[in-house]
Protein backbone atom coordinates (compact mmCIF):
# COMPACT_ATOMS: atom_id res chain seq x y z
CA ASP A 1 -27.83 12.02 70.17
CA ASP A 2 -29.91 11.11 73.91
CA ASP A 3 -33.53 11.42 71.69
CA ASP A 4 -32.52 8.47 69.28
CA ASP A 5 -33.33 6.31 72.08
CA ILE A 6 -36.74 7.86 73.06
CA PRO A 7 -39.67 5.19 71.35
CA GLN A 8 -41.87 7.25 68.50
CA LEU A 9 -44.99 6.27 67.72
CA SER A 10 -46.05 5.87 64.39
CA SER A 11 -48.01 8.80 62.13
CA HIS A 12 -51.08 5.82 62.55
CA THR A 13 -50.85 4.59 66.26
CA LEU A 14 -50.66 8.53 67.22
CA ALA A 15 -54.22 9.09 65.81
CA ALA A 16 -55.19 6.09 66.64
CA LEU A 17 -54.74 7.05 70.19
CA HIS A 18 -55.78 10.69 69.65
CA GLU A 19 -59.37 8.97 68.11
CA PHE A 20 -59.59 6.86 71.38
CA TYR A 21 -58.97 9.69 73.86
CA LEU A 22 -61.22 11.81 72.29
CA GLU A 23 -64.18 8.96 72.19
CA GLN A 24 -63.05 8.79 76.14
CA GLN A 25 -64.01 12.81 76.23
CA GLN A 26 -66.71 12.71 74.30
CA ARG A 27 -68.28 9.72 76.71
CA GLU A 28 -67.43 11.78 79.72
CA GLY A 29 -69.05 14.84 78.99
CA MET A 30 -72.16 12.92 78.11
CA LYS A 31 -72.21 11.35 81.20
CA THR A 32 -71.34 15.81 83.11
CA SER A 33 -74.05 17.30 80.64
CA GLN A 34 -77.41 18.20 81.46
CA GLY A 35 -78.89 16.04 78.58
CA PHE A 36 -77.53 12.92 79.69
CA ASN A 37 -79.83 10.13 80.55
CA GLN A 38 -78.89 8.34 83.78
CA TYR A 39 -81.22 5.82 83.42
CA SER A 40 -81.08 4.85 79.54
CA VAL A 41 -79.96 1.26 79.07
CA GLY A 42 -76.57 1.08 78.57
CA SER A 43 -75.37 4.42 81.23
CA ILE A 44 -73.81 2.18 83.49
CA GLU A 45 -71.59 -0.39 81.17
CA GLU A 46 -72.13 -3.88 81.89
CA ASP A 47 -69.30 -5.71 83.70
CA TRP A 48 -69.28 -9.48 82.23
CA GLN A 49 -67.15 -10.50 85.61
CA LEU A 50 -70.19 -10.36 87.47
CA SER A 51 -72.20 -12.21 84.25
CA GLN A 52 -74.01 -8.56 82.80
CA PHE A 53 -75.59 -8.42 80.00
CA TRP A 54 -77.81 -5.97 79.42
CA TYR A 55 -81.21 -6.51 76.98
CA SER A 56 -82.20 -4.72 73.59
CA ASP A 57 -83.87 -1.67 74.09
CA GLU A 58 -86.71 -3.15 72.48
CA THR A 59 -86.71 -6.15 74.91
CA ALA A 60 -86.15 -3.52 78.25
CA SER A 61 -89.22 -1.49 76.69
CA ARG A 62 -91.70 -4.49 76.21
CA LEU A 63 -90.62 -6.11 79.96
CA ALA A 64 -90.79 -2.68 81.11
CA LYS A 65 -94.92 -1.62 79.41
CA GLU A 66 -95.28 -5.35 80.71
CA ALA A 67 -94.53 -4.96 84.21
CA VAL A 68 -96.81 -1.64 84.12
CA LEU A 69 -99.58 -3.65 82.74
CA ALA A 70 -99.29 -6.32 85.46
CA ALA A 71 -98.69 -4.13 88.40
CA GLY A 72 -101.90 -1.98 87.52
CA ARG A 73 -102.17 1.76 88.87
CA GLY A 74 -100.39 2.18 91.46
CA GLY A 75 -98.64 -0.57 91.67
CA ARG A 76 -95.35 -1.29 93.09
CA ILE A 77 -92.48 -3.06 90.93
CA ALA A 78 -89.57 -5.11 92.44
CA CYS A 79 -86.73 -5.50 89.75
CA VAL A 80 -84.40 -8.18 90.97
CA SER A 81 -80.96 -8.47 89.59
CA ALA A 82 -82.97 -7.09 86.15
CA PRO A 83 -81.45 -3.36 86.11
CA SER A 84 -82.41 -2.46 82.34
CA VAL A 85 -85.85 -2.90 83.02
CA TYR A 86 -85.98 -0.70 85.89
CA GLN A 87 -83.97 1.89 84.19
CA LYS A 88 -86.17 1.60 81.18
CA LEU A 89 -88.97 1.75 84.07
CA LYS A 90 -87.48 5.18 84.96
CA GLU A 91 -87.53 6.57 81.94
CA GLN A 92 -91.77 6.53 81.91
CA ASP A 93 -92.03 9.67 83.82
CA GLY A 94 -95.78 10.54 84.94
CA GLU A 95 -96.48 6.86 84.83
CA ASP A 96 -98.82 5.80 88.55
CA PHE A 97 -96.55 2.99 89.82
CA THR A 98 -93.17 3.14 91.84
CA VAL A 99 -89.95 0.19 91.41
CA CYS A 100 -87.55 -0.10 92.87
CA ILE A 101 -83.87 -2.71 92.31
CA LEU A 102 -82.40 -5.58 93.98
CA GLU A 103 -78.85 -5.17 92.61
CA TYR A 104 -74.95 -6.99 93.84
CA ASP A 105 -73.23 -4.15 91.91
CA ARG A 106 -73.80 -1.13 93.79
CA ARG A 107 -72.86 1.17 90.67
CA PHE A 108 -76.75 1.22 90.92
CA SER A 109 -76.60 2.80 94.21
CA VAL A 110 -76.71 6.12 92.30
CA TYR A 111 -80.43 5.44 92.23
CA GLY A 112 -80.61 6.21 95.64
CA GLU A 113 -83.14 4.90 98.12
CA GLU A 114 -84.66 2.74 94.97
CA PHE A 115 -81.76 0.46 95.43
CA ILE A 116 -80.99 -2.49 97.56
CA PHE A 117 -77.88 -4.09 97.18
CA TYR A 118 -78.49 -7.99 97.20
CA ASP A 119 -77.15 -11.22 96.63
CA TYR A 120 -78.83 -14.02 95.72
CA ASN A 121 -76.35 -16.27 97.89
CA HIS A 122 -77.81 -14.50 101.27
CA PRO A 123 -81.90 -14.61 99.12
CA LEU A 124 -83.72 -12.90 102.34
CA ASP A 125 -80.94 -10.59 103.81
CA LEU A 126 -83.30 -7.49 102.62
CA PRO A 127 -84.09 -4.44 104.65
CA GLU A 128 -86.15 -4.50 107.32
CA ASN A 129 -88.64 -2.00 105.12
CA LEU A 130 -88.77 -4.57 102.46
CA LEU A 131 -91.76 -6.59 103.89
CA PRO A 132 -93.06 -9.69 102.60
CA HIS A 133 -95.71 -9.93 99.58
CA SER A 134 -95.48 -5.95 99.09
CA PHE A 135 -95.00 -6.31 94.93
CA ASP A 136 -97.39 -6.76 92.58
CA ILE A 137 -94.89 -7.77 90.34
CA VAL A 138 -91.57 -8.98 91.07
CA ILE A 139 -89.14 -9.31 87.38
CA ALA A 140 -85.95 -10.73 87.70
CA ASP A 141 -83.05 -11.96 86.01
CA PRO A 142 -81.09 -14.24 87.74
CA PRO A 143 -77.40 -13.83 87.26
CA TYR A 144 -76.39 -17.30 86.63
CA LEU A 145 -77.83 -20.09 84.95
CA SER A 146 -77.43 -22.95 87.45
CA GLU A 147 -80.03 -24.34 89.47
CA GLU A 148 -78.23 -23.24 92.83
CA CYS A 149 -78.83 -19.47 91.91
CA LEU A 150 -82.80 -19.52 90.80
CA GLN A 151 -83.18 -21.37 93.98
CA LYS A 152 -81.92 -18.88 95.74
CA THR A 153 -83.46 -16.04 93.60
CA ALA A 154 -86.72 -17.37 93.87
CA GLU A 155 -86.72 -17.25 97.78
CA THR A 156 -86.28 -13.95 97.25
CA ILE A 157 -88.88 -13.48 94.54
CA LYS A 158 -91.72 -15.74 96.67
CA TYR A 159 -90.74 -13.30 99.64
CA LEU A 160 -91.27 -10.04 97.84
CA THR A 161 -94.75 -10.52 95.39
CA LYS A 162 -98.28 -11.11 95.93
CA GLY A 163 -98.71 -12.75 93.48
CA LYS A 164 -97.37 -12.00 90.24
CA ILE A 165 -93.76 -12.85 88.84
CA LEU A 166 -92.14 -12.78 85.46
CA LEU A 167 -88.82 -14.26 85.25
CA CYS A 168 -86.43 -14.14 81.94
CA THR A 169 -83.31 -17.12 82.34
CA GLY A 170 -82.28 -19.44 80.05
CA ALA A 171 -84.31 -21.68 78.13
CA VAL A 172 -82.22 -24.76 79.73
CA MET A 173 -84.16 -23.64 82.86
CA GLU A 174 -87.56 -24.23 82.03
CA GLU A 175 -88.01 -27.41 84.12
CA GLN A 176 -86.11 -25.66 86.49
CA ALA A 177 -87.90 -22.27 86.53
CA GLY A 178 -91.86 -24.64 87.01
CA LYS A 179 -90.29 -26.76 90.05
CA HIS A 180 -89.40 -23.59 91.83
CA LEU A 181 -91.76 -20.87 91.05
CA GLY A 182 -94.52 -22.50 89.14
CA VAL A 183 -93.91 -20.30 85.83
CA LYS A 184 -94.63 -21.44 82.22
CA ILE A 185 -92.35 -20.11 78.68
CA CYS A 186 -93.94 -17.34 77.17
CA LYS A 187 -93.51 -16.67 73.31
CA PHE A 188 -91.70 -13.25 73.33
CA ILE A 189 -87.75 -13.99 73.02
CA PRO A 190 -85.73 -11.78 74.68
CA LYS A 191 -83.28 -10.29 73.10
CA HIS A 192 -79.75 -8.91 74.65
CA SER A 193 -77.80 -5.76 73.65
CA ARG A 194 -74.79 -8.03 72.63
CA ASN A 195 -75.97 -11.72 71.36
CA LEU A 196 -75.54 -14.35 74.20
CA ALA A 197 -74.87 -18.09 73.06
CA ASN A 198 -77.61 -19.17 75.14
CA GLU A 199 -81.09 -19.10 74.20
CA PHE A 200 -82.85 -16.81 76.70
CA ARG A 201 -86.55 -17.02 77.12
CA CYS A 202 -89.26 -15.08 79.71
CA TYR A 203 -91.86 -16.70 82.07
CA THR A 204 -94.73 -16.09 83.88
CA ASN A 205 -97.49 -17.36 86.29
CA TYR A 206 -99.73 -15.24 84.65
CA ALA A 207 -101.89 -14.70 81.76
CA SER A 208 -99.16 -11.93 80.38
CA GLY A 209 -99.43 -9.72 77.25
CA LEU A 210 -95.72 -11.64 76.23
CA ASP A 211 -97.80 -14.44 74.44
């Protein structure tokens, strides 16, 4: 019988496969349902090849709250390579501030005009309408723990900010962060949804609520 040559999956494998497809359908169903929040942290999945690691919900909320307080009423906030904070800020409907996201990952272009393509290798290659010193606070999370990446991102930050800077990067970058941006380490310790091997910290150049 020719059917004997066709490989047969075990009942256990079939059940696992069925469960996988069911979960996939449910995920896609959530994304198309009215109840899906496109701004929730994790709505766009991490891409580790782009060195993406999303903050925990608690950390994203704390950093978003700090950014709003620092920006003040009617303030402008720029999120540079910090999409988790941008998403958490967008969940706060009715708050009196504006925000934009500068990000290399074009998946975030779903956020429309607030998305600005950004490559830290070209730190000042920015749209003409992004005027210098036009943001009350810039929150940035350089994708790589290298002085080159920090230095180039720092050029962008200093171009955008009126003064206030909130930097998130590894504890090993403390000296370079002070050198390039004049920021000091905060007591608050940010967490990620997946634990990172490197100790992570926040830095500011103003008296923040993160101490």
